[in-house]
Amino acid sequence: MNYLAFALAALFLPLAVPIRNFGLTTQTTAQAPVEAEIQRQRQRLSATDPEERRDALMKLGEMRRAAASRQAVVGLSDGSPMVRAAATKAILSMPPEDSVAALLPLVSDKDEFVRREVACSLGLTQSRKVTEPLTNLLLNDKEDGVRAAAAVALGDVGDENAVVALANVLSPESSAVKTKKREKNVFVLRAAAKSLGQIKSKAGVPALIAALSNEKYDDDVRREAAGALGRIGDPAAVQALRSAANSEDPYLSQVAYESLRKIAP
């Protein structure tokens, strides 16, 4: 019996080696097309047509691989604003610290569209290292779209260090820090209110209450403030929410009522 078992093992042993090698070969073969595609798109970044360069960056970004994103970094210094803007998303598969380091120089880009896309991408990294540059954009950039993007991004990051700036933008009278001029853009105000709700710091409650109670504000801003107060859940907001629940605006009334249920069921 022992001899028979040995003979059978010897018979099948040669078959095991090619099987193992076949598995390794398959893995290597699977990697090869990916690497080849990365290099193909990298070469397209040297094309004279900016549309082709942008398309190459989008393809690299869609691969969701760090190796592809590293090849896309060159697009951040492209002469075309639309190519630089596409590159801000294409590099996000790198580790956050690498993405942040690559993106920060474009915070002061001369093109509004690029600065806006940079702000969005910095928020997607969720790195607290971007709080200060995003705050600077929120408070100082001349373009409404850039300030709104910075406000949204600060909510994505969720750093409590951004609360003072967001509160100051939303309701300067409730903040000890004064800006150069009062924010008037509705989208910026809404984004600031929403981000305060995402961060969920009670330090943002006074500004949110002030915005909710300010009948001069656009109804969309007041609704966003009511929703943010519900997410934070501070009982200090109950009185203001009860007042808003009786608003003639049915949408504001509904949001305020839902927030009240979260705070005081």
C-alpha atoms as a PDB file:
ATOM      1  CA  MET A   1       0.000   0.000   0.000  1.00  0.00           C
ATOM      2  CA  ASN A   2       2.812   2.386   0.837  1.00  0.00           C
ATOM      3  CA  TYR A   3       4.458   1.716  -2.502  1.00  0.00           C
ATOM      4  CA  LEU A   4       1.185   2.303  -4.327  1.00  0.00           C
ATOM      5  CA  ALA A   5       0.609   5.660  -2.534  1.00  0.00           C
ATOM      6  CA  PHE A   6       4.143   6.758  -3.358  1.00  0.00           C
ATOM      7  CA  ALA A   7       3.680   5.855  -7.002  1.00  0.00           C
ATOM      8  CA  LEU A   8       0.430   7.799  -7.256  1.00  0.00           C
ATOM      9  CA  ALA A   9       2.003  10.864  -5.622  1.00  0.00           C
ATOM     10  CA  ALA A  10       4.925  10.711  -8.017  1.00  0.00           C
ATOM     11  CA  LEU A  11       2.531  10.434 -10.920  1.00  0.00           C
ATOM     12  CA  PHE A  12       0.587  13.600 -10.056  1.00  0.00           C
ATOM     13  CA  LEU A  13       3.430  15.722  -8.656  1.00  0.00           C
ATOM     14  CA  PRO A  14       4.651  17.034 -12.030  1.00  0.00           C
ATOM     15  CA  LEU A  15       1.163  18.340 -12.712  1.00  0.00           C
ATOM     16  CA  ALA A  16       1.179  20.542  -9.577  1.00  0.00           C
ATOM     17  CA  VAL A  17       4.137  22.655 -10.644  1.00  0.00           C
ATOM     18  CA  PRO A  18       2.658  24.013 -13.895  1.00  0.00           C
ATOM     19  CA  ILE A  19      -0.602  24.764 -12.067  1.00  0.00           C
ATOM     20  CA  ARG A  20       1.162  26.984  -9.543  1.00  0.00           C
ATOM     21  CA  ASN A  21       3.193  28.681 -12.248  1.00  0.00           C
ATOM     22  CA  PHE A  22       0.049  29.224 -14.272  1.00  0.00           C
ATOM     23  CA  GLY A  23      -1.497  31.162 -11.368  1.00  0.00           C
ATOM     24  CA  LEU A  24       1.512  33.472 -11.112  1.00  0.00           C
ATOM     25  CA  THR A  25       1.558  33.996 -14.839  1.00  0.00           C
ATOM     26  CA  THR A  26      -2.133  34.899 -14.835  1.00  0.00           C
ATOM     27  CA  GLN A  27      -1.615  37.516 -12.112  1.00  0.00           C
ATOM     28  CA  THR A  28       1.297  39.080 -13.963  1.00  0.00           C
ATOM     29  CA  THR A  29      -0.647  39.013 -17.206  1.00  0.00           C
ATOM     30  CA  ALA A  30      -3.581  40.780 -15.528  1.00  0.00           C
ATOM     31  CA  GLN A  31      -1.334  43.577 -14.296  1.00  0.00           C
ATOM     32  CA  ALA A  32       0.340  44.158 -17.633  1.00  0.00           C
ATOM     33  CA  PRO A  33      -2.640  45.744 -19.456  1.00  0.00           C
ATOM     34  CA  VAL A  34      -3.241  48.131 -16.539  1.00  0.00           C
ATOM     35  CA  GLU A  35       0.347  49.324 -16.538  1.00  0.00           C
ATOM     36  CA  ALA A  36       0.293  49.621 -20.317  1.00  0.00           C
ATOM     37  CA  GLU A  37      -2.892  51.701 -20.168  1.00  0.00           C
ATOM     38  CA  ILE A  38      -1.375  54.022 -17.558  1.00  0.00           C
ATOM     39  CA  GLN A  39       1.632  54.604 -19.779  1.00  0.00           C
ATOM     40  CA  ARG A  40      -0.565  55.127 -22.835  1.00  0.00           C
ATOM     41  CA  GLN A  41      -2.554  57.844 -21.067  1.00  0.00           C
ATOM     42  CA  ARG A  42       0.652  59.354 -19.705  1.00  0.00           C
ATOM     43  CA  GLN A  43       1.934  59.746 -23.249  1.00  0.00           C
ATOM     44  CA  ARG A  44      -1.299  61.473 -24.274  1.00  0.00           C
ATOM     45  CA  LEU A  45      -0.543  64.176 -21.678  1.00  0.00           C
ATOM     46  CA  SER A  46       2.104  65.446 -24.114  1.00  0.00           C
ATOM     47  CA  ALA A  47      -0.457  65.972 -26.896  1.00  0.00           C
ATOM     48  CA  THR A  48      -0.794  69.459 -28.365  1.00  0.00           C
ATOM     49  CA  ASP A  49      -4.601  69.375 -28.093  1.00  0.00           C
ATOM     50  CA  PRO A  50      -5.720  70.360 -24.550  1.00  0.00           C
ATOM     51  CA  GLU A  51      -8.931  68.360 -25.004  1.00  0.00           C
ATOM     52  CA  GLU A  52      -6.882  65.212 -25.491  1.00  0.00           C
ATOM     53  CA  ARG A  53      -4.766  65.994 -22.429  1.00  0.00           C
ATOM     54  CA  ARG A  54      -7.909  66.539 -20.365  1.00  0.00           C
ATOM     55  CA  ASP A  55      -9.388  63.264 -21.613  1.00  0.00           C
ATOM     56  CA  ALA A  56      -6.193  61.439 -20.675  1.00  0.00           C
ATOM     57  CA  LEU A  57      -6.391  62.854 -17.152  1.00  0.00           C
ATOM     58  CA  MET A  58     -10.004  61.779 -16.818  1.00  0.00           C
ATOM     59  CA  LYS A  59      -9.060  58.261 -17.919  1.00  0.00           C
ATOM     60  CA  LEU A  60      -6.228  58.159 -15.367  1.00  0.00           C
ATOM     61  CA  GLY A  61      -8.574  59.325 -12.632  1.00  0.00           C
ATOM     62  CA  GLU A  62     -11.198  56.729 -13.523  1.00  0.00           C
ATOM     63  CA  MET A  63      -8.656  53.956 -12.970  1.00  0.00           C
ATOM     64  CA  ARG A  64      -8.721  54.658  -9.197  1.00  0.00           C
ATOM     65  CA  ARG A  65      -5.091  53.632  -8.804  1.00  0.00           C
ATOM     66  CA  ALA A  66      -2.292  55.443  -7.014  1.00  0.00           C
ATOM     67  CA  ALA A  67       0.086  54.708  -9.893  1.00  0.00           C
ATOM     68  CA  ALA A  68      -2.314  56.348 -12.356  1.00  0.00           C
ATOM     69  CA  SER A  69      -2.786  59.386 -10.108  1.00  0.00           C
ATOM     70  CA  ARG A  70       0.964  59.878  -9.809  1.00  0.00           C
ATOM     71  CA  GLN A  71       1.205  60.083 -13.577  1.00  0.00           C
ATOM     72  CA  ALA A  72      -1.602  62.652 -13.565  1.00  0.00           C
ATOM     73  CA  VAL A  73       0.280  65.072 -11.282  1.00  0.00           C
ATOM     74  CA  VAL A  74       2.000  66.606 -14.303  1.00  0.00           C
ATOM     75  CA  GLY A  75      -1.398  67.941 -15.389  1.00  0.00           C
ATOM     76  CA  LEU A  76      -1.498  70.301 -12.413  1.00  0.00           C
ATOM     77  CA  SER A  77       1.111  72.485 -14.089  1.00  0.00           C
ATOM     78  CA  ASP A  78      -0.490  72.413 -17.545  1.00  0.00           C
ATOM     79  CA  GLY A  79      -0.914  75.716 -19.366  1.00  0.00           C
ATOM     80  CA  SER A  80      -4.618  75.109 -19.931  1.00  0.00           C
ATOM     81  CA  PRO A  81      -6.993  75.888 -17.030  1.00  0.00           C
ATOM     82  CA  MET A  82      -9.391  73.105 -18.008  1.00  0.00           C
ATOM     83  CA  VAL A  83      -6.538  70.591 -17.963  1.00  0.00           C
ATOM     84  CA  ARG A  84      -5.345  71.771 -14.550  1.00  0.00           C
ATOM     85  CA  ALA A  85      -8.916  71.527 -13.279  1.00  0.00           C
ATOM     86  CA  ALA A  86      -9.230  67.945 -14.534  1.00  0.00           C
ATOM     87  CA  ALA A  87      -5.947  67.057 -12.882  1.00  0.00           C
ATOM     88  CA  THR A  88      -7.224  68.115  -9.444  1.00  0.00           C
ATOM     89  CA  LYS A  89      -9.596  65.128  -9.471  1.00  0.00           C
ATOM     90  CA  ALA A  90      -7.326  62.708 -11.308  1.00  0.00           C
ATOM     91  CA  ILE A  91      -4.678  62.726  -8.559  1.00  0.00           C
ATOM     92  CA  LEU A  92      -6.997  61.827  -5.676  1.00  0.00           C
ATOM     93  CA  SER A  93      -6.179  58.104  -5.674  1.00  0.00           C
ATOM     94  CA  MET A  94      -2.800  58.907  -4.149  1.00  0.00           C
ATOM     95  CA  PRO A  95      -2.495  58.880  -0.335  1.00  0.00           C
ATOM     96  CA  PRO A  96      -4.206  62.023   1.075  1.00  0.00           C
ATOM     97  CA  GLU A  97      -0.954  63.596   2.226  1.00  0.00           C
ATOM     98  CA  ASP A  98       0.474  63.293  -1.297  1.00  0.00           C
ATOM     99  CA  SER A  99      -2.688  64.675  -2.900  1.00  0.00           C
ATOM    100  CA  VAL A 100      -2.734  67.636  -0.510  1.00  0.00           C
ATOM    101  CA  ALA A 101       0.910  68.466  -1.179  1.00  0.00           C
ATOM    102  CA  ALA A 102       0.283  68.421  -4.927  1.00  0.00           C
ATOM    103  CA  LEU A 103      -2.904  70.500  -4.760  1.00  0.00           C
ATOM    104  CA  LEU A 104      -1.954  73.283  -2.359  1.00  0.00           C
ATOM    105  CA  PRO A 105       0.104  75.331  -4.861  1.00  0.00           C
ATOM    106  CA  LEU A 106      -3.037  75.731  -6.990  1.00  0.00           C
ATOM    107  CA  VAL A 107      -5.010  77.405  -4.203  1.00  0.00           C
ATOM    108  CA  SER A 108      -3.685  80.693  -5.575  1.00  0.00           C
ATOM    109  CA  ASP A 109      -4.167  79.782  -9.250  1.00  0.00           C
ATOM    110  CA  LYS A 110      -5.080  82.772 -11.389  1.00  0.00           C
ATOM    111  CA  ASP A 111      -8.080  80.970 -12.882  1.00  0.00           C
ATOM    112  CA  GLU A 112     -11.342  80.970 -10.903  1.00  0.00           C
ATOM    113  CA  PHE A 113     -12.451  77.585 -12.247  1.00  0.00           C
ATOM    114  CA  VAL A 114      -9.187  75.955 -11.177  1.00  0.00           C
ATOM    115  CA  ARG A 115      -9.370  77.427  -7.666  1.00  0.00           C
ATOM    116  CA  ARG A 116     -12.921  76.180  -7.327  1.00  0.00           C
ATOM    117  CA  GLU A 117     -11.978  72.644  -8.394  1.00  0.00           C
ATOM    118  CA  VAL A 118      -8.951  72.693  -6.107  1.00  0.00           C
ATOM    119  CA  ALA A 119     -11.175  73.619  -3.162  1.00  0.00           C
ATOM    120  CA  CYS A 120     -13.520  70.722  -3.923  1.00  0.00           C
ATOM    121  CA  SER A 121     -10.639  68.276  -4.259  1.00  0.00           C
ATOM    122  CA  LEU A 122      -8.997  69.437  -1.039  1.00  0.00           C
ATOM    123  CA  GLY A 123     -12.260  68.743   0.752  1.00  0.00           C
ATOM    124  CA  LEU A 124     -12.358  65.219  -0.671  1.00  0.00           C
ATOM    125  CA  THR A 125      -8.982  64.443   0.887  1.00  0.00           C
ATOM    126  CA  GLN A 126     -10.600  65.005   4.327  1.00  0.00           C
ATOM    127  CA  SER A 127      -7.194  66.069   5.613  1.00  0.00           C
ATOM    128  CA  ARG A 128      -7.161  68.630   8.406  1.00  0.00           C
ATOM    129  CA  LYS A 129      -4.078  70.146   6.826  1.00  0.00           C
ATOM    130  CA  VAL A 130      -6.346  71.828   4.282  1.00  0.00           C
ATOM    131  CA  THR A 131      -8.508  73.670   6.827  1.00  0.00           C
ATOM    132  CA  GLU A 132      -6.399  76.826   6.855  1.00  0.00           C
ATOM    133  CA  PRO A 133      -6.036  77.255   3.074  1.00  0.00           C
ATOM    134  CA  LEU A 134      -9.750  76.541   2.582  1.00  0.00           C
ATOM    135  CA  THR A 135     -10.608  79.065   5.283  1.00  0.00           C
ATOM    136  CA  ASN A 136      -8.490  81.658   3.500  1.00  0.00           C
ATOM    137  CA  LEU A 137     -10.380  81.011   0.267  1.00  0.00           C
ATOM    138  CA  LEU A 138     -13.714  81.272   2.077  1.00  0.00           C
ATOM    139  CA  LEU A 139     -12.880  84.593   3.683  1.00  0.00           C
ATOM    140  CA  ASN A 140     -10.783  86.269   1.021  1.00  0.00           C
ATOM    141  CA  ASP A 141     -11.432  84.987  -2.504  1.00  0.00           C
ATOM    142  CA  LYS A 142     -13.190  87.504  -4.729  1.00  0.00           C
ATOM    143  CA  GLU A 143     -15.237  84.919  -6.642  1.00  0.00           C
ATOM    144  CA  ASP A 144     -18.545  83.643  -5.260  1.00  0.00           C
ATOM    145  CA  GLY A 145     -18.076  80.174  -6.744  1.00  0.00           C
ATOM    146  CA  VAL A 146     -14.696  79.713  -5.093  1.00  0.00           C
ATOM    147  CA  ARG A 147     -15.966  80.831  -1.689  1.00  0.00           C
ATOM    148  CA  ALA A 148     -18.952  78.492  -1.964  1.00  0.00           C
ATOM    149  CA  ALA A 149     -16.714  75.574  -2.924  1.00  0.00           C
ATOM    150  CA  ALA A 150     -14.438  76.313   0.029  1.00  0.00           C
ATOM    151  CA  ALA A 151     -17.417  76.373   2.398  1.00  0.00           C
ATOM    152  CA  VAL A 152     -18.625  73.000   1.103  1.00  0.00           C
ATOM    153  CA  ALA A 153     -15.136  71.531   1.344  1.00  0.00           C
ATOM    154  CA  LEU A 154     -14.763  72.612   4.970  1.00  0.00           C
ATOM    155  CA  GLY A 155     -17.885  70.618   5.778  1.00  0.00           C
ATOM    156  CA  ASP A 156     -16.410  67.581   4.013  1.00  0.00           C
ATOM    157  CA  VAL A 157     -13.260  67.863   6.111  1.00  0.00           C
ATOM    158  CA  GLY A 158     -15.231  68.262   9.339  1.00  0.00           C
ATOM    159  CA  ASP A 159     -12.557  70.112  11.306  1.00  0.00           C
ATOM    160  CA  GLU A 160     -13.880  72.148  14.250  1.00  0.00           C
ATOM    161  CA  ASN A 161     -11.149  74.709  13.602  1.00  0.00           C
ATOM    162  CA  ALA A 162     -13.226  75.899  10.647  1.00  0.00           C
ATOM    163  CA  VAL A 163     -16.293  76.741  12.759  1.00  0.00           C
ATOM    164  CA  VAL A 164     -15.262  80.319  13.598  1.00  0.00           C
ATOM    165  CA  ALA A 165     -14.766  81.240   9.939  1.00  0.00           C
ATOM    166  CA  LEU A 166     -17.964  79.536   8.794  1.00  0.00           C
ATOM    167  CA  ALA A 167     -19.970  81.182  11.585  1.00  0.00           C
ATOM    168  CA  ASN A 168     -18.463  84.552  10.760  1.00  0.00           C
ATOM    169  CA  VAL A 169     -19.490  84.225   7.118  1.00  0.00           C
ATOM    170  CA  LEU A 170     -23.005  83.075   7.974  1.00  0.00           C
ATOM    171  CA  SER A 171     -23.736  85.585  10.715  1.00  0.00           C
ATOM    172  CA  PRO A 172     -21.034  88.200  11.406  1.00  0.00           C
ATOM    173  CA  GLU A 173     -23.019  89.804  14.217  1.00  0.00           C
ATOM    174  CA  SER A 174     -22.748  86.604  16.251  1.00  0.00           C
ATOM    175  CA  SER A 175     -18.977  86.319  15.802  1.00  0.00           C
ATOM    176  CA  ALA A 176     -16.158  88.088  17.595  1.00  0.00           C
ATOM    177  CA  VAL A 177     -14.113  88.056  14.381  1.00  0.00           C
ATOM    178  CA  LYS A 178     -15.150  90.525  11.699  1.00  0.00           C
ATOM    179  CA  THR A 179     -14.699  90.065   7.961  1.00  0.00           C
ATOM    180  CA  LYS A 180     -13.813  92.802   5.498  1.00  0.00           C
ATOM    181  CA  LYS A 181     -17.338  92.765   4.082  1.00  0.00           C
ATOM    182  CA  ARG A 182     -20.573  90.927   4.770  1.00  0.00           C
ATOM    183  CA  GLU A 183     -21.260  87.846   2.664  1.00  0.00           C
ATOM    184  CA  LYS A 184     -24.280  88.313   0.396  1.00  0.00           C
ATOM    185  CA  ASN A 185     -24.137  85.330  -1.933  1.00  0.00           C
ATOM    186  CA  VAL A 186     -26.927  82.875  -1.120  1.00  0.00           C
ATOM    187  CA  PHE A 187     -24.962  79.811  -2.184  1.00  0.00           C
ATOM    188  CA  VAL A 188     -22.047  80.734   0.061  1.00  0.00           C
ATOM    189  CA  LEU A 189     -24.380  81.325   3.005  1.00  0.00           C
ATOM    190  CA  ARG A 190     -26.200  78.042   2.442  1.00  0.00           C
ATOM    191  CA  ALA A 191     -22.925  76.144   2.171  1.00  0.00           C
ATOM    192  CA  ALA A 192     -21.641  77.719   5.386  1.00  0.00           C
ATOM    193  CA  ALA A 193     -24.812  76.721   7.255  1.00  0.00           C
ATOM    194  CA  LYS A 194     -24.743  73.181   5.909  1.00  0.00           C
ATOM    195  CA  SER A 195     -21.074  72.737   6.785  1.00  0.00           C
ATOM    196  CA  LEU A 196     -21.656  73.913  10.344  1.00  0.00           C
ATOM    197  CA  GLY A 197     -24.269  71.177  10.605  1.00  0.00           C
ATOM    198  CA  GLN A 198     -21.845  68.607   9.229  1.00  0.00           C
ATOM    199  CA  ILE A 199     -19.141  69.570  11.706  1.00  0.00           C
ATOM    200  CA  LYS A 200     -21.699  69.382  14.547  1.00  0.00           C
ATOM    201  CA  SER A 201     -19.911  71.752  16.905  1.00  0.00           C
ATOM    202  CA  LYS A 202     -22.025  73.664  19.409  1.00  0.00           C
ATOM    203  CA  ALA A 203     -19.763  76.640  18.766  1.00  0.00           C
ATOM    204  CA  GLY A 204     -21.658  77.132  15.512  1.00  0.00           C
ATOM    205  CA  VAL A 205     -25.103  77.231  17.126  1.00  0.00           C
ATOM    206  CA  PRO A 206     -25.284  81.024  17.802  1.00  0.00           C
ATOM    207  CA  ALA A 207     -24.552  81.829  14.160  1.00  0.00           C
ATOM    208  CA  LEU A 208     -27.093  79.277  12.953  1.00  0.00           C
ATOM    209  CA  ILE A 209     -29.775  80.632  15.296  1.00  0.00           C
ATOM    210  CA  ALA A 210     -29.036  84.171  14.125  1.00  0.00           C
ATOM    211  CA  ALA A 211     -29.319  83.107  10.488  1.00  0.00           C
ATOM    212  CA  LEU A 212     -32.544  81.192  11.124  1.00  0.00           C
ATOM    213  CA  SER A 213     -34.078  84.161  12.926  1.00  0.00           C
ATOM    214  CA  ASN A 214     -32.991  86.699  10.315  1.00  0.00           C
ATOM    215  CA  GLU A 215     -36.067  87.280   8.145  1.00  0.00           C
ATOM    216  CA  LYS A 216     -33.985  89.309   5.706  1.00  0.00           C
ATOM    217  CA  TYR A 217     -32.124  86.165   4.726  1.00  0.00           C
ATOM    218  CA  ASP A 218     -33.216  84.096   1.758  1.00  0.00           C
ATOM    219  CA  ASP A 219     -35.572  81.263   2.765  1.00  0.00           C
ATOM    220  CA  ASP A 220     -33.089  78.697   1.431  1.00  0.00           C
ATOM    221  CA  VAL A 221     -30.463  79.958   3.870  1.00  0.00           C
ATOM    222  CA  ARG A 222     -32.875  79.855   6.792  1.00  0.00           C
ATOM    223  CA  ARG A 223     -33.956  76.320   5.895  1.00  0.00           C
ATOM    224  CA  GLU A 224     -30.332  75.204   5.735  1.00  0.00           C
ATOM    225  CA  ALA A 225     -29.691  76.766   9.138  1.00  0.00           C
ATOM    226  CA  ALA A 226     -32.731  74.993  10.610  1.00  0.00           C
ATOM    227  CA  GLY A 227     -31.549  71.650   9.270  1.00  0.00           C
ATOM    228  CA  ALA A 228     -28.036  72.219  10.609  1.00  0.00           C
ATOM    229  CA  LEU A 229     -29.380  72.979  14.088  1.00  0.00           C
ATOM    230  CA  GLY A 230     -31.205  69.661  14.046  1.00  0.00           C
ATOM    231  CA  ARG A 231     -28.025  67.805  13.147  1.00  0.00           C
ATOM    232  CA  ILE A 232     -26.119  69.481  15.974  1.00  0.00           C
ATOM    233  CA  GLY A 233     -28.902  68.796  18.463  1.00  0.00           C
ATOM    234  CA  ASP A 234     -28.268  71.604  20.946  1.00  0.00           C
ATOM    235  CA  PRO A 235     -31.347  72.407  23.115  1.00  0.00           C
ATOM    236  CA  ALA A 236     -30.340  76.071  22.918  1.00  0.00           C
ATOM    237  CA  ALA A 237     -31.881  76.110  19.432  1.00  0.00           C
ATOM    238  CA  VAL A 238     -35.352  74.950  20.531  1.00  0.00           C
ATOM    239  CA  GLN A 239     -36.917  78.402  20.887  1.00  0.00           C
ATOM    240  CA  ALA A 240     -35.700  79.613  17.494  1.00  0.00           C
ATOM    241  CA  LEU A 241     -36.835  76.374  15.841  1.00  0.00           C
ATOM    242  CA  ARG A 242     -40.285  76.612  17.446  1.00  0.00           C
ATOM    243  CA  SER A 243     -40.652  80.098  16.049  1.00  0.00           C
ATOM    244  CA  ALA A 244     -39.533  78.925  12.597  1.00  0.00           C
ATOM    245  CA  ALA A 245     -41.939  75.990  12.757  1.00  0.00           C
ATOM    246  CA  ASN A 246     -44.761  78.561  12.625  1.00  0.00           C
ATOM    247  CA  SER A 247     -43.291  80.233   9.535  1.00  0.00           C
ATOM    248  CA  GLU A 248     -45.510  81.066   6.557  1.00  0.00           C
ATOM    249  CA  ASP A 249     -42.955  79.222   4.422  1.00  0.00           C
ATOM    250  CA  PRO A 250     -44.177  75.599   4.569  1.00  0.00           C
ATOM    251  CA  TYR A 251     -40.748  74.226   3.678  1.00  0.00           C
ATOM    252  CA  LEU A 252     -38.987  76.156   6.434  1.00  0.00           C
ATOM    253  CA  SER A 253     -41.752  75.158   8.848  1.00  0.00           C
ATOM    254  CA  GLN A 254     -41.280  71.477   7.964  1.00  0.00           C
ATOM    255  CA  VAL A 255     -37.481  71.539   8.321  1.00  0.00           C
ATOM    256  CA  ALA A 256     -37.746  73.351  11.661  1.00  0.00           C
ATOM    257  CA  TYR A 257     -40.320  70.835  12.887  1.00  0.00           C
ATOM    258  CA  GLU A 258     -38.111  67.881  11.910  1.00  0.00           C
ATOM    259  CA  SER A 259     -35.130  69.477  13.676  1.00  0.00           C
ATOM    260  CA  LEU A 260     -37.236  70.004  16.795  1.00  0.00           C
ATOM    261  CA  ARG A 261     -38.127  66.313  16.800  1.00  0.00           C
ATOM    262  CA  LYS A 262     -34.427  65.445  16.782  1.00  0.00           C
ATOM    263  CA  ILE A 263     -33.672  67.738  19.707  1.00  0.00           C
ATOM    264  CA  ALA A 264     -36.827  67.367  21.801  1.00  0.00           C
ATOM    265  CA  PRO A 265     -38.929  64.414  20.615  1.00  0.00           C
END
